[in-house]
Amino acid sequence: MHSELTFSVGVDVDSLWHYYRIHGLDESQASDHAWSHGVPRFVELFNALEIPATFYCVAEDIERSTHCLKQLQALSQQGFEIGNHSWKHPYALTQLDLAQASLEITEGKKRLEAASQSIVSGFRAPGYHTHAQFREPLLQSGHLYESSAFPCAPYYVAKAMVMGGMRLFGRKSQSILGSPKLLSAPSQPYVASEFSPYRASPVELANPLMHYPVSVWCGLPLIGTLFALLGPQLSTRLGQVVAWRLRSGIQKANQKPKHLTIEFHAADLLSLFEDQLDSQLKVQPDLKRGLTHKRQAFEGFLQALKQVATPVRLDQHPLTLKYSVNSQV
């Protein structure tokens, strides 16, 4: 294994009512299966693979989900990182005024820390949309890094097409497309500019904020949805190709260390049929895949990647530790 190569795994614990909101559906039948079923299944997977993952949680769920508080505490006790996914998960976070956006960030962190009895260091914005004005509230509230940028053009185009199709059928999504500037974000971890979260700072900053973009490989988003749709064989093969390219690249002279940020959602380990979910959710294609199919796909990709790279929590990544120390000097 090459210590220069690292990867992190994050799970956005978006409760199912957020999927109803994305698709403009009536959320009255939404369950808390993301917490009661999805999170424990990911815990079992990560424990089996010995991967120290991060769970990005919505603080509002502490009151809304009967399983959230218990799961949060269990995650922390088992050595998983708790990340801040905002207070109430407003998809249009970037369109709120500074006071409202700051409250979403700071209140989310405060409530998650109190519930999990652990330190929350990382932030992932709802819908992968972030803004330069978030930098100060993130730093002032004690966040060490952000992992919101998702520079994937195919994903962006597909999202635009789905949202356009919904409008044609008279359904309104609470999601937003966001600025295309996110597509220009660096592919590797970077210290974000003071003026744009999607640009690396050209100068050394007194108060740096590390940004870990969700990884894209040759146009393919390295996320649970892709692995679920590819299936076990193709996901394993993709993991082998990515691992081979990483290992080959690191052996070249003056090759910089590489890091991949792999992203899942708690709903990625739910099944529409096996978990007897509301049939309205059939609009979410990956929910129609079976649990064994998805579990094997995720395991195949992660096992292949682990052959050449070291899994690490983002709050313990060397770059996070380096710049957090520098900011305190």
C-alpha atoms as a PDB file:
ATOM      1  CA  MET A   1       0.000   0.000   0.000  1.00  0.00           C
ATOM      2  CA  HIS A   2       1.259   3.500  -0.814  1.00  0.00           C
ATOM      3  CA  SER A   3       0.929   5.883   2.121  1.00  0.00           C
ATOM      4  CA  GLU A   4       0.954   8.822  -0.342  1.00  0.00           C
ATOM      5  CA  LEU A   5      -2.446   7.714  -1.613  1.00  0.00           C
ATOM      6  CA  THR A   6      -5.465   8.348   0.585  1.00  0.00           C
ATOM      7  CA  PHE A   7      -9.207   8.241   0.237  1.00  0.00           C
ATOM      8  CA  SER A   8     -12.113   9.248   2.421  1.00  0.00           C
ATOM      9  CA  VAL A   9     -15.649   7.943   2.459  1.00  0.00           C
ATOM     10  CA  GLY A  10     -18.611  10.116   3.408  1.00  0.00           C
ATOM     11  CA  VAL A  11     -22.300   9.333   3.821  1.00  0.00           C
ATOM     12  CA  ASP A  12     -24.858  12.123   3.554  1.00  0.00           C
ATOM     13  CA  VAL A  13     -27.678  11.100   5.874  1.00  0.00           C
ATOM     14  CA  ASP A  14     -30.451  12.784   3.873  1.00  0.00           C
ATOM     15  CA  SER A  15     -33.722  11.517   5.331  1.00  0.00           C
ATOM     16  CA  LEU A  16     -36.290  10.299   2.839  1.00  0.00           C
ATOM     17  CA  TRP A  17     -38.455  13.409   3.140  1.00  0.00           C
ATOM     18  CA  HIS A  18     -35.699  15.275   1.293  1.00  0.00           C
ATOM     19  CA  TYR A  19     -36.145  12.943  -1.692  1.00  0.00           C
ATOM     20  CA  TYR A  20     -39.854  13.786  -1.772  1.00  0.00           C
ATOM     21  CA  ARG A  21     -38.880  17.466  -1.842  1.00  0.00           C
ATOM     22  CA  ILE A  22     -36.378  16.939  -4.653  1.00  0.00           C
ATOM     23  CA  HIS A  23     -39.019  15.258  -6.793  1.00  0.00           C
ATOM     24  CA  GLY A  24     -41.915  17.551  -5.837  1.00  0.00           C
ATOM     25  CA  LEU A  25     -43.849  14.765  -4.081  1.00  0.00           C
ATOM     26  CA  ASP A  26     -46.142  14.695  -1.070  1.00  0.00           C
ATOM     27  CA  GLU A  27     -43.851  13.856   1.854  1.00  0.00           C
ATOM     28  CA  SER A  28     -46.605  12.891   4.325  1.00  0.00           C
ATOM     29  CA  GLN A  29     -45.747   9.195   3.845  1.00  0.00           C
ATOM     30  CA  ALA A  30     -42.009   9.643   4.366  1.00  0.00           C
ATOM     31  CA  SER A  31     -40.376   7.265   6.840  1.00  0.00           C
ATOM     32  CA  ASP A  32     -37.087   7.564   8.713  1.00  0.00           C
ATOM     33  CA  HIS A  33     -35.627   4.475   7.006  1.00  0.00           C
ATOM     34  CA  ALA A  34     -32.454   6.414   6.175  1.00  0.00           C
ATOM     35  CA  TRP A  35     -31.613   6.422   9.887  1.00  0.00           C
ATOM     36  CA  SER A  36     -33.234   3.171  10.999  1.00  0.00           C
ATOM     37  CA  HIS A  37     -31.994   1.017   8.087  1.00  0.00           C
ATOM     38  CA  GLY A  38     -29.530   2.877   5.858  1.00  0.00           C
ATOM     39  CA  VAL A  39     -27.090   4.093   8.512  1.00  0.00           C
ATOM     40  CA  PRO A  40     -26.734   0.703  10.305  1.00  0.00           C
ATOM     41  CA  ARG A  41     -26.150  -1.031   6.970  1.00  0.00           C
ATOM     42  CA  PHE A  42     -23.345   1.381   6.096  1.00  0.00           C
ATOM     43  CA  VAL A  43     -21.853   0.953   9.567  1.00  0.00           C
ATOM     44  CA  GLU A  44     -21.798  -2.811   9.036  1.00  0.00           C
ATOM     45  CA  LEU A  45     -20.175  -2.379   5.601  1.00  0.00           C
ATOM     46  CA  PHE A  46     -17.490   0.028   6.851  1.00  0.00           C
ATOM     47  CA  ASN A  47     -16.704  -2.102   9.889  1.00  0.00           C
ATOM     48  CA  ALA A  48     -16.311  -5.147   7.654  1.00  0.00           C
ATOM     49  CA  LEU A  49     -13.894  -3.238   5.407  1.00  0.00           C
ATOM     50  CA  GLU A  50     -12.196  -1.385   8.312  1.00  0.00           C
ATOM     51  CA  ILE A  51     -12.941   2.030   6.803  1.00  0.00           C
ATOM     52  CA  PRO A  52     -13.244   5.061   9.144  1.00  0.00           C
ATOM     53  CA  ALA A  53     -16.019   6.985   7.383  1.00  0.00           C
ATOM     54  CA  THR A  54     -17.738  10.332   7.960  1.00  0.00           C
ATOM     55  CA  PHE A  55     -21.521  10.682   8.322  1.00  0.00           C
ATOM     56  CA  TYR A  56     -22.776  14.146   7.316  1.00  0.00           C
ATOM     57  CA  CYS A  57     -25.944  14.667   9.337  1.00  0.00           C
ATOM     58  CA  VAL A  58     -28.842  17.126   9.338  1.00  0.00           C
ATOM     59  CA  ALA A  59     -29.367  18.463  12.861  1.00  0.00           C
ATOM     60  CA  GLU A  60     -33.133  18.799  12.424  1.00  0.00           C
ATOM     61  CA  ASP A  61     -33.347  15.008  12.266  1.00  0.00           C
ATOM     62  CA  ILE A  62     -32.607  14.826  16.000  1.00  0.00           C
ATOM     63  CA  GLU A  63     -36.177  16.014  16.592  1.00  0.00           C
ATOM     64  CA  ARG A  64     -37.807  14.458  13.526  1.00  0.00           C
ATOM     65  CA  SER A  65     -36.380  10.925  13.554  1.00  0.00           C
ATOM     66  CA  THR A  66     -36.892   8.530  16.447  1.00  0.00           C
ATOM     67  CA  HIS A  67     -33.685   6.705  15.477  1.00  0.00           C
ATOM     68  CA  CYS A  68     -31.380   9.686  14.903  1.00  0.00           C
ATOM     69  CA  LEU A  69     -30.148  10.434  18.422  1.00  0.00           C
ATOM     70  CA  LYS A  70     -29.359   6.813  19.218  1.00  0.00           C
ATOM     71  CA  GLN A  71     -27.567   6.319  15.892  1.00  0.00           C
ATOM     72  CA  LEU A  72     -25.563   9.551  16.258  1.00  0.00           C
ATOM     73  CA  GLN A  73     -24.211   8.506  19.618  1.00  0.00           C
ATOM     74  CA  ALA A  74     -23.459   5.003  18.380  1.00  0.00           C
ATOM     75  CA  LEU A  75     -21.577   6.349  15.357  1.00  0.00           C
ATOM     76  CA  SER A  76     -19.387   8.542  17.530  1.00  0.00           C
ATOM     77  CA  GLN A  77     -18.714   5.742  20.016  1.00  0.00           C
ATOM     78  CA  GLN A  78     -17.646   3.425  17.190  1.00  0.00           C
ATOM     79  CA  GLY A  79     -15.069   5.900  15.886  1.00  0.00           C
ATOM     80  CA  PHE A  80     -16.917   7.389  12.924  1.00  0.00           C
ATOM     81  CA  GLU A  81     -16.725  11.110  12.241  1.00  0.00           C
ATOM     82  CA  ILE A  82     -19.882  13.230  12.490  1.00  0.00           C
ATOM     83  CA  GLY A  83     -20.035  15.972   9.852  1.00  0.00           C
ATOM     84  CA  ASN A  84     -22.350  18.981   9.624  1.00  0.00           C
ATOM     85  CA  HIS A  85     -24.893  18.814   6.791  1.00  0.00           C
ATOM     86  CA  SER A  86     -26.660  21.977   8.060  1.00  0.00           C
ATOM     87  CA  TRP A  87     -29.474  22.529  10.539  1.00  0.00           C
ATOM     88  CA  LYS A  88     -32.545  22.009   8.312  1.00  0.00           C
ATOM     89  CA  HIS A  89     -31.009  21.120   4.935  1.00  0.00           C
ATOM     90  CA  PRO A  90     -32.356  24.015   2.823  1.00  0.00           C
ATOM     91  CA  TYR A  91     -31.462  23.209  -0.784  1.00  0.00           C
ATOM     92  CA  ALA A  92     -31.391  26.937  -1.551  1.00  0.00           C
ATOM     93  CA  LEU A  93     -28.822  27.633   1.185  1.00  0.00           C
ATOM     94  CA  THR A  94     -26.764  29.793  -1.164  1.00  0.00           C
ATOM     95  CA  GLN A  95     -29.816  31.990  -1.810  1.00  0.00           C
ATOM     96  CA  LEU A  96     -30.417  32.814   1.865  1.00  0.00           C
ATOM     97  CA  ASP A  97     -29.098  36.029   3.372  1.00  0.00           C
ATOM     98  CA  LEU A  98     -25.887  35.812   5.376  1.00  0.00           C
ATOM     99  CA  ALA A  99     -27.626  35.741   8.770  1.00  0.00           C
ATOM    100  CA  GLN A 100     -29.903  32.850   7.791  1.00  0.00           C
ATOM    101  CA  ALA A 101     -27.120  30.885   6.088  1.00  0.00           C
ATOM    102  CA  SER A 102     -24.816  31.399   9.079  1.00  0.00           C
ATOM    103  CA  LEU A 103     -27.524  30.112  11.414  1.00  0.00           C
ATOM    104  CA  GLU A 104     -27.896  26.962   9.309  1.00  0.00           C
ATOM    105  CA  ILE A 105     -24.150  26.343   9.605  1.00  0.00           C
ATOM    106  CA  THR A 106     -23.571  27.236  13.246  1.00  0.00           C
ATOM    107  CA  GLU A 107     -26.780  25.781  14.656  1.00  0.00           C
ATOM    108  CA  GLY A 108     -26.222  22.558  12.750  1.00  0.00           C
ATOM    109  CA  LYS A 109     -22.764  22.151  14.257  1.00  0.00           C
ATOM    110  CA  LYS A 110     -23.863  23.055  17.778  1.00  0.00           C
ATOM    111  CA  ARG A 111     -26.832  20.662  17.834  1.00  0.00           C
ATOM    112  CA  LEU A 112     -24.912  17.763  16.289  1.00  0.00           C
ATOM    113  CA  GLU A 113     -22.055  18.161  18.768  1.00  0.00           C
ATOM    114  CA  ALA A 114     -24.458  18.206  21.705  1.00  0.00           C
ATOM    115  CA  ALA A 115     -26.314  15.124  20.464  1.00  0.00           C
ATOM    116  CA  SER A 116     -23.305  13.051  19.414  1.00  0.00           C
ATOM    117  CA  GLN A 117     -21.004  14.268  22.208  1.00  0.00           C
ATOM    118  CA  SER A 118     -18.229  14.659  19.662  1.00  0.00           C
ATOM    119  CA  ILE A 119     -16.445  17.471  17.857  1.00  0.00           C
ATOM    120  CA  VAL A 120     -17.847  18.347  14.416  1.00  0.00           C
ATOM    121  CA  SER A 121     -15.065  19.595  12.131  1.00  0.00           C
ATOM    122  CA  GLY A 122     -16.424  19.208   8.586  1.00  0.00           C
ATOM    123  CA  PHE A 123     -19.262  20.724   6.596  1.00  0.00           C
ATOM    124  CA  ARG A 124     -21.048  19.545   3.464  1.00  0.00           C
ATOM    125  CA  ALA A 125     -23.619  21.928   1.983  1.00  0.00           C
ATOM    126  CA  PRO A 126     -27.046  20.646   0.875  1.00  0.00           C
ATOM    127  CA  GLY A 127     -27.091  19.825  -2.819  1.00  0.00           C
ATOM    128  CA  TYR A 128     -23.305  20.425  -3.104  1.00  0.00           C
ATOM    129  CA  HIS A 129     -23.896  24.200  -3.429  1.00  0.00           C
ATOM    130  CA  THR A 130     -21.657  26.466  -1.376  1.00  0.00           C
ATOM    131  CA  HIS A 131     -20.749  30.157  -1.346  1.00  0.00           C
ATOM    132  CA  ALA A 132     -17.866  32.449  -0.444  1.00  0.00           C
ATOM    133  CA  GLN A 133     -19.968  34.040   2.296  1.00  0.00           C
ATOM    134  CA  PHE A 134     -19.976  30.716   4.175  1.00  0.00           C
ATOM    135  CA  ARG A 135     -16.243  30.934   4.826  1.00  0.00           C
ATOM    136  CA  GLU A 136     -16.407  33.209   7.874  1.00  0.00           C
ATOM    137  CA  PRO A 137     -19.233  31.420   9.730  1.00  0.00           C
ATOM    138  CA  LEU A 138     -17.520  28.095   9.037  1.00  0.00           C
ATOM    139  CA  LEU A 139     -14.190  29.249  10.435  1.00  0.00           C
ATOM    140  CA  GLN A 140     -15.672  31.204  13.335  1.00  0.00           C
ATOM    141  CA  SER A 141     -17.730  28.215  14.456  1.00  0.00           C
ATOM    142  CA  GLY A 142     -14.671  25.957  14.442  1.00  0.00           C
ATOM    143  CA  HIS A 143     -14.999  24.003  11.198  1.00  0.00           C
ATOM    144  CA  LEU A 144     -11.677  22.799   9.808  1.00  0.00           C
ATOM    145  CA  TYR A 145     -12.778  21.797   6.318  1.00  0.00           C
ATOM    146  CA  GLU A 146     -15.582  21.781   3.785  1.00  0.00           C
ATOM    147  CA  SER A 147     -16.476  19.006   1.327  1.00  0.00           C
ATOM    148  CA  SER A 148     -19.176  20.516  -0.879  1.00  0.00           C
ATOM    149  CA  ALA A 149     -17.686  21.015  -4.334  1.00  0.00           C
ATOM    150  CA  PHE A 150     -18.766  18.401  -6.882  1.00  0.00           C
ATOM    151  CA  PRO A 151     -17.184  19.347 -10.237  1.00  0.00           C
ATOM    152  CA  CYS A 152     -19.006  16.793 -12.381  1.00  0.00           C
ATOM    153  CA  ALA A 153     -20.378  18.103 -15.688  1.00  0.00           C
ATOM    154  CA  PRO A 154     -22.444  14.973 -16.560  1.00  0.00           C
ATOM    155  CA  TYR A 155     -24.137  15.097 -13.144  1.00  0.00           C
ATOM    156  CA  TYR A 156     -24.840  18.824 -13.545  1.00  0.00           C
ATOM    157  CA  VAL A 157     -26.343  18.345 -17.021  1.00  0.00           C
ATOM    158  CA  ALA A 158     -28.423  15.348 -15.928  1.00  0.00           C
ATOM    159  CA  LYS A 159     -29.769  17.312 -12.970  1.00  0.00           C
ATOM    160  CA  ALA A 160     -30.699  20.215 -15.243  1.00  0.00           C
ATOM    161  CA  MET A 161     -32.579  17.858 -17.569  1.00  0.00           C
ATOM    162  CA  VAL A 162     -34.489  16.199 -14.712  1.00  0.00           C
ATOM    163  CA  MET A 163     -35.483  19.537 -13.202  1.00  0.00           C
ATOM    164  CA  GLY A 164     -36.553  20.791 -16.633  1.00  0.00           C
ATOM    165  CA  GLY A 165     -38.660  17.684 -17.185  1.00  0.00           C
ATOM    166  CA  MET A 166     -40.336  18.138 -13.812  1.00  0.00           C
ATOM    167  CA  ARG A 167     -41.364  21.665 -14.724  1.00  0.00           C
ATOM    168  CA  LEU A 168     -42.948  20.377 -17.933  1.00  0.00           C
ATOM    169  CA  PHE A 169     -45.109  18.050 -15.839  1.00  0.00           C
ATOM    170  CA  GLY A 170     -46.009  20.767 -13.362  1.00  0.00           C
ATOM    171  CA  ARG A 171     -43.903  19.501 -10.456  1.00  0.00           C
ATOM    172  CA  LYS A 172     -41.651  21.875  -8.556  1.00  0.00           C
ATOM    173  CA  SER A 173     -38.406  20.641  -7.026  1.00  0.00           C
ATOM    174  CA  GLN A 174     -37.045  22.257  -3.880  1.00  0.00           C
ATOM    175  CA  SER A 175     -33.570  21.526  -5.213  1.00  0.00           C
ATOM    176  CA  ILE A 176     -31.646  24.134  -7.193  1.00  0.00           C
ATOM    177  CA  LEU A 177     -29.271  23.752 -10.106  1.00  0.00           C
ATOM    178  CA  GLY A 178     -26.652  26.071  -8.656  1.00  0.00           C
ATOM    179  CA  SER A 179     -23.880  28.049 -10.279  1.00  0.00           C
ATOM    180  CA  PRO A 180     -21.944  26.372 -13.111  1.00  0.00           C
ATOM    181  CA  LYS A 181     -18.819  27.826 -11.474  1.00  0.00           C
ATOM    182  CA  LEU A 182     -18.758  24.675  -9.317  1.00  0.00           C
ATOM    183  CA  LEU A 183     -17.609  22.752 -12.404  1.00  0.00           C
ATOM    184  CA  SER A 184     -14.297  24.635 -12.330  1.00  0.00           C
ATOM    185  CA  ALA A 185     -13.363  23.478  -8.824  1.00  0.00           C
ATOM    186  CA  PRO A 186     -10.018  21.656  -8.478  1.00  0.00           C
ATOM    187  CA  SER A 187     -10.189  17.870  -8.462  1.00  0.00           C
ATOM    188  CA  GLN A 188      -7.722  17.498  -5.591  1.00  0.00           C
ATOM    189  CA  PRO A 189      -7.943  18.946  -2.038  1.00  0.00           C
ATOM    190  CA  TYR A 190      -7.201  22.658  -1.893  1.00  0.00           C
ATOM    191  CA  VAL A 191      -7.220  25.654   0.407  1.00  0.00           C
ATOM    192  CA  ALA A 192     -10.259  27.598  -0.756  1.00  0.00           C
ATOM    193  CA  SER A 193      -9.917  31.192  -1.907  1.00  0.00           C
ATOM    194  CA  GLU A 194     -11.447  33.927   0.222  1.00  0.00           C
ATOM    195  CA  PHE A 195     -13.459  35.009  -2.812  1.00  0.00           C
ATOM    196  CA  SER A 196     -14.663  31.702  -4.255  1.00  0.00           C
ATOM    197  CA  PRO A 197     -15.074  28.276  -2.641  1.00  0.00           C
ATOM    198  CA  TYR A 198     -14.480  26.714  -6.059  1.00  0.00           C
ATOM    199  CA  ARG A 199     -10.967  28.172  -6.487  1.00  0.00           C
ATOM    200  CA  ALA A 200      -7.711  27.429  -4.730  1.00  0.00           C
ATOM    201  CA  SER A 201      -6.230  30.402  -2.935  1.00  0.00           C
ATOM    202  CA  PRO A 202      -3.249  31.802  -4.877  1.00  0.00           C
ATOM    203  CA  VAL A 203      -1.694  33.083  -1.646  1.00  0.00           C
ATOM    204  CA  GLU A 204      -1.121  31.684   1.823  1.00  0.00           C
ATOM    205  CA  LEU A 205      -4.022  32.607   4.097  1.00  0.00           C
ATOM    206  CA  ALA A 206      -3.865  33.386   7.793  1.00  0.00           C
ATOM    207  CA  ASN A 207      -7.083  31.411   8.315  1.00  0.00           C
ATOM    208  CA  PRO A 208      -7.125  28.603   5.738  1.00  0.00           C
ATOM    209  CA  LEU A 209     -10.166  26.412   5.104  1.00  0.00           C
ATOM    210  CA  MET A 210      -9.435  23.086   3.446  1.00  0.00           C
ATOM    211  CA  HIS A 211     -11.837  21.926   0.767  1.00  0.00           C
ATOM    212  CA  TYR A 212     -12.157  18.280  -0.261  1.00  0.00           C
ATOM    213  CA  PRO A 213     -14.152  18.034  -3.513  1.00  0.00           C
ATOM    214  CA  VAL A 214     -16.248  14.953  -4.216  1.00  0.00           C
ATOM    215  CA  SER A 215     -14.176  12.964  -6.682  1.00  0.00           C
ATOM    216  CA  VAL A 216     -14.859  12.567 -10.393  1.00  0.00           C
ATOM    217  CA  TRP A 217     -12.881  10.087 -12.492  1.00  0.00           C
ATOM    218  CA  CYS A 218     -12.829  10.565 -16.273  1.00  0.00           C
ATOM    219  CA  GLY A 219     -16.232  12.230 -16.052  1.00  0.00           C
ATOM    220  CA  LEU A 220     -17.679   9.540 -13.754  1.00  0.00           C
ATOM    221  CA  PRO A 221     -18.844  10.689 -10.292  1.00  0.00           C
ATOM    222  CA  LEU A 222     -17.454   8.412  -7.604  1.00  0.00           C
ATOM    223  CA  ILE A 223     -20.734   8.245  -5.697  1.00  0.00           C
ATOM    224  CA  GLY A 224     -23.110   5.542  -4.504  1.00  0.00           C
ATOM    225  CA  THR A 225     -25.693   6.214  -7.199  1.00  0.00           C
ATOM    226  CA  LEU A 226     -23.181   5.368  -9.940  1.00  0.00           C
ATOM    227  CA  PHE A 227     -22.016   2.180  -8.206  1.00  0.00           C
ATOM    228  CA  ALA A 228     -25.615   1.048  -7.648  1.00  0.00           C
ATOM    229  CA  LEU A 229     -26.481   1.566 -11.313  1.00  0.00           C
ATOM    230  CA  LEU A 230     -23.263  -0.095 -12.552  1.00  0.00           C
ATOM    231  CA  GLY A 231     -23.707  -3.163 -10.367  1.00  0.00           C
ATOM    232  CA  PRO A 232     -21.132  -5.372  -8.611  1.00  0.00           C
ATOM    233  CA  GLN A 233     -18.986  -6.451 -11.578  1.00  0.00           C
ATOM    234  CA  LEU A 234     -18.628  -3.070 -13.244  1.00  0.00           C
ATOM    235  CA  SER A 235     -18.149  -1.233  -9.927  1.00  0.00           C
ATOM    236  CA  THR A 236     -15.402  -3.632  -8.930  1.00  0.00           C
ATOM    237  CA  ARG A 237     -13.780  -3.219 -12.334  1.00  0.00           C
ATOM    238  CA  LEU A 238     -14.013   0.562 -12.039  1.00  0.00           C
ATOM    239  CA  GLY A 239     -12.354   0.384  -8.624  1.00  0.00           C
ATOM    240  CA  GLN A 240      -9.547  -1.733 -10.067  1.00  0.00           C
ATOM    241  CA  VAL A 241      -8.964   0.712 -12.931  1.00  0.00           C
ATOM    242  CA  VAL A 242      -8.964   3.725 -10.597  1.00  0.00           C
ATOM    243  CA  ALA A 243      -6.578   1.920  -8.223  1.00  0.00           C
ATOM    244  CA  TRP A 244      -4.242   0.955 -11.066  1.00  0.00           C
ATOM    245  CA  ARG A 245      -4.148   4.516 -12.412  1.00  0.00           C
ATOM    246  CA  LEU A 246      -3.488   5.914  -8.951  1.00  0.00           C
ATOM    247  CA  ARG A 247      -0.674   3.479  -8.290  1.00  0.00           C
ATOM    248  CA  SER A 248       0.873   4.071 -11.706  1.00  0.00           C
ATOM    249  CA  GLY A 249       0.729   7.837 -11.323  1.00  0.00           C
ATOM    250  CA  ILE A 250       2.274   7.969  -7.867  1.00  0.00           C
ATOM    251  CA  GLN A 251       5.340   6.135  -9.137  1.00  0.00           C
ATOM    252  CA  LYS A 252       6.155   8.933 -11.560  1.00  0.00           C
ATOM    253  CA  ALA A 253       8.808  11.466 -10.583  1.00  0.00           C
ATOM    254  CA  ASN A 254       7.565  14.501  -8.639  1.00  0.00           C
ATOM    255  CA  GLN A 255       4.010  13.136  -8.540  1.00  0.00           C
ATOM    256  CA  LYS A 256       2.026  14.907  -5.833  1.00  0.00           C
ATOM    257  CA  PRO A 257       0.087  12.860  -3.249  1.00  0.00           C
ATOM    258  CA  LYS A 258      -3.398  11.945  -4.405  1.00  0.00           C
ATOM    259  CA  HIS A 259      -6.649  11.824  -2.508  1.00  0.00           C
ATOM    260  CA  LEU A 260     -10.132  10.654  -3.490  1.00  0.00           C
ATOM    261  CA  THR A 261     -13.351  11.678  -1.741  1.00  0.00           C
ATOM    262  CA  ILE A 262     -16.005   8.984  -2.219  1.00  0.00           C
ATOM    263  CA  GLU A 263     -19.594   9.959  -1.477  1.00  0.00           C
ATOM    264  CA  PHE A 264     -22.676   7.954  -0.558  1.00  0.00           C
ATOM    265  CA  HIS A 265     -26.149   8.697   0.779  1.00  0.00           C
ATOM    266  CA  ALA A 266     -27.803   6.703   3.566  1.00  0.00           C
ATOM    267  CA  ALA A 267     -30.618   5.910   1.111  1.00  0.00           C
ATOM    268  CA  ASP A 268     -28.076   4.151  -1.128  1.00  0.00           C
ATOM    269  CA  LEU A 269     -28.501   1.078   1.096  1.00  0.00           C
ATOM    270  CA  LEU A 270     -32.291   1.108   0.968  1.00  0.00           C
ATOM    271  CA  SER A 271     -34.477  -0.864  -1.419  1.00  0.00           C
ATOM    272  CA  LEU A 272     -37.877   0.273  -2.624  1.00  0.00           C
ATOM    273  CA  PHE A 273     -39.241  -3.267  -2.597  1.00  0.00           C
ATOM    274  CA  GLU A 274     -37.291  -5.041   0.139  1.00  0.00           C
ATOM    275  CA  ASP A 275     -37.843  -2.180   2.600  1.00  0.00           C
ATOM    276  CA  GLN A 276     -41.445  -1.656   1.438  1.00  0.00           C
ATOM    277  CA  LEU A 277     -40.953   2.049   0.816  1.00  0.00           C
ATOM    278  CA  ASP A 278     -43.627   4.369  -0.535  1.00  0.00           C
ATOM    279  CA  SER A 279     -44.144   3.601  -4.239  1.00  0.00           C
ATOM    280  CA  GLN A 280     -43.834   7.324  -5.037  1.00  0.00           C
ATOM    281  CA  LEU A 281     -40.086   6.911  -4.554  1.00  0.00           C
ATOM    282  CA  LYS A 282     -39.791   4.806  -7.706  1.00  0.00           C
ATOM    283  CA  VAL A 283     -38.760   8.086  -9.379  1.00  0.00           C
ATOM    284  CA  GLN A 284     -35.391   7.555  -7.648  1.00  0.00           C
ATOM    285  CA  PRO A 285     -33.824   4.915  -9.989  1.00  0.00           C
ATOM    286  CA  ASP A 286     -31.221   3.477  -7.631  1.00  0.00           C
ATOM    287  CA  LEU A 287     -33.875   2.685  -4.994  1.00  0.00           C
ATOM    288  CA  LYS A 288     -35.209   0.035  -7.368  1.00  0.00           C
ATOM    289  CA  ARG A 289     -31.957  -1.928  -7.117  1.00  0.00           C
ATOM    290  CA  GLY A 290     -31.762  -4.799  -4.624  1.00  0.00           C
ATOM    291  CA  LEU A 291     -29.813  -4.553  -1.375  1.00  0.00           C
ATOM    292  CA  THR A 292     -27.421  -7.414  -2.169  1.00  0.00           C
ATOM    293  CA  HIS A 293     -26.742  -5.901  -5.600  1.00  0.00           C
ATOM    294  CA  LYS A 294     -25.857  -2.526  -4.089  1.00  0.00           C
ATOM    295  CA  ARG A 295     -23.908  -3.855  -1.128  1.00  0.00           C
ATOM    296  CA  GLN A 296     -21.715  -5.951  -3.406  1.00  0.00           C
ATOM    297  CA  ALA A 297     -21.173  -3.018  -5.772  1.00  0.00           C
ATOM    298  CA  PHE A 298     -20.059  -0.709  -2.958  1.00  0.00           C
ATOM    299  CA  GLU A 299     -17.879  -3.360  -1.380  1.00  0.00           C
ATOM    300  CA  GLY A 300     -16.230  -4.259  -4.691  1.00  0.00           C
ATOM    301  CA  PHE A 301     -15.247  -0.668  -5.464  1.00  0.00           C
ATOM    302  CA  LEU A 302     -14.010   0.122  -1.955  1.00  0.00           C
ATOM    303  CA  GLN A 303     -12.024  -3.106  -1.618  1.00  0.00           C
ATOM    304  CA  ALA A 304     -10.243  -2.453  -4.907  1.00  0.00           C
ATOM    305  CA  LEU A 305      -9.395   1.094  -3.861  1.00  0.00           C
ATOM    306  CA  LYS A 306      -8.168  -0.021  -0.463  1.00  0.00           C
ATOM    307  CA  GLN A 307      -5.527  -2.198  -2.140  1.00  0.00           C
ATOM    308  CA  VAL A 308      -3.521   0.908  -3.045  1.00  0.00           C
ATOM    309  CA  ALA A 309      -4.784   3.757  -0.845  1.00  0.00           C
ATOM    310  CA  THR A 310      -5.222   4.366   2.874  1.00  0.00           C
ATOM    311  CA  PRO A 311      -8.738   5.240   4.103  1.00  0.00           C
ATOM    312  CA  VAL A 312      -8.755   8.249   6.428  1.00  0.00           C
ATOM    313  CA  ARG A 313     -11.342  10.412   8.152  1.00  0.00           C
ATOM    314  CA  LEU A 314     -11.204  13.943   6.779  1.00  0.00           C
ATOM    315  CA  ASP A 315     -10.807  15.508  10.220  1.00  0.00           C
ATOM    316  CA  GLN A 316      -7.660  13.360  10.541  1.00  0.00           C
ATOM    317  CA  HIS A 317      -6.310  13.897   7.030  1.00  0.00           C
ATOM    318  CA  PRO A 318      -2.746  15.277   7.079  1.00  0.00           C
ATOM    319  CA  LEU A 319      -3.801  18.411   5.173  1.00  0.00           C
ATOM    320  CA  THR A 320      -6.621  19.152   7.620  1.00  0.00           C
ATOM    321  CA  LEU A 321      -4.225  18.785  10.548  1.00  0.00           C
ATOM    322  CA  LYS A 322      -1.523  20.832   8.825  1.00  0.00           C
ATOM    323  CA  TYR A 323      -3.694  23.840   8.047  1.00  0.00           C
ATOM    324  CA  SER A 324      -5.650  23.735  11.291  1.00  0.00           C
ATOM    325  CA  VAL A 325      -2.343  24.023  13.160  1.00  0.00           C
ATOM    326  CA  ASN A 326      -1.187  26.838  10.871  1.00  0.00           C
ATOM    327  CA  SER A 327      -4.387  28.792  11.473  1.00  0.00           C
ATOM    328  CA  GLN A 328      -3.770  28.679  15.211  1.00  0.00           C
ATOM    329  CA  VAL A 329      -0.179  29.957  14.991  1.00  0.00           C
END
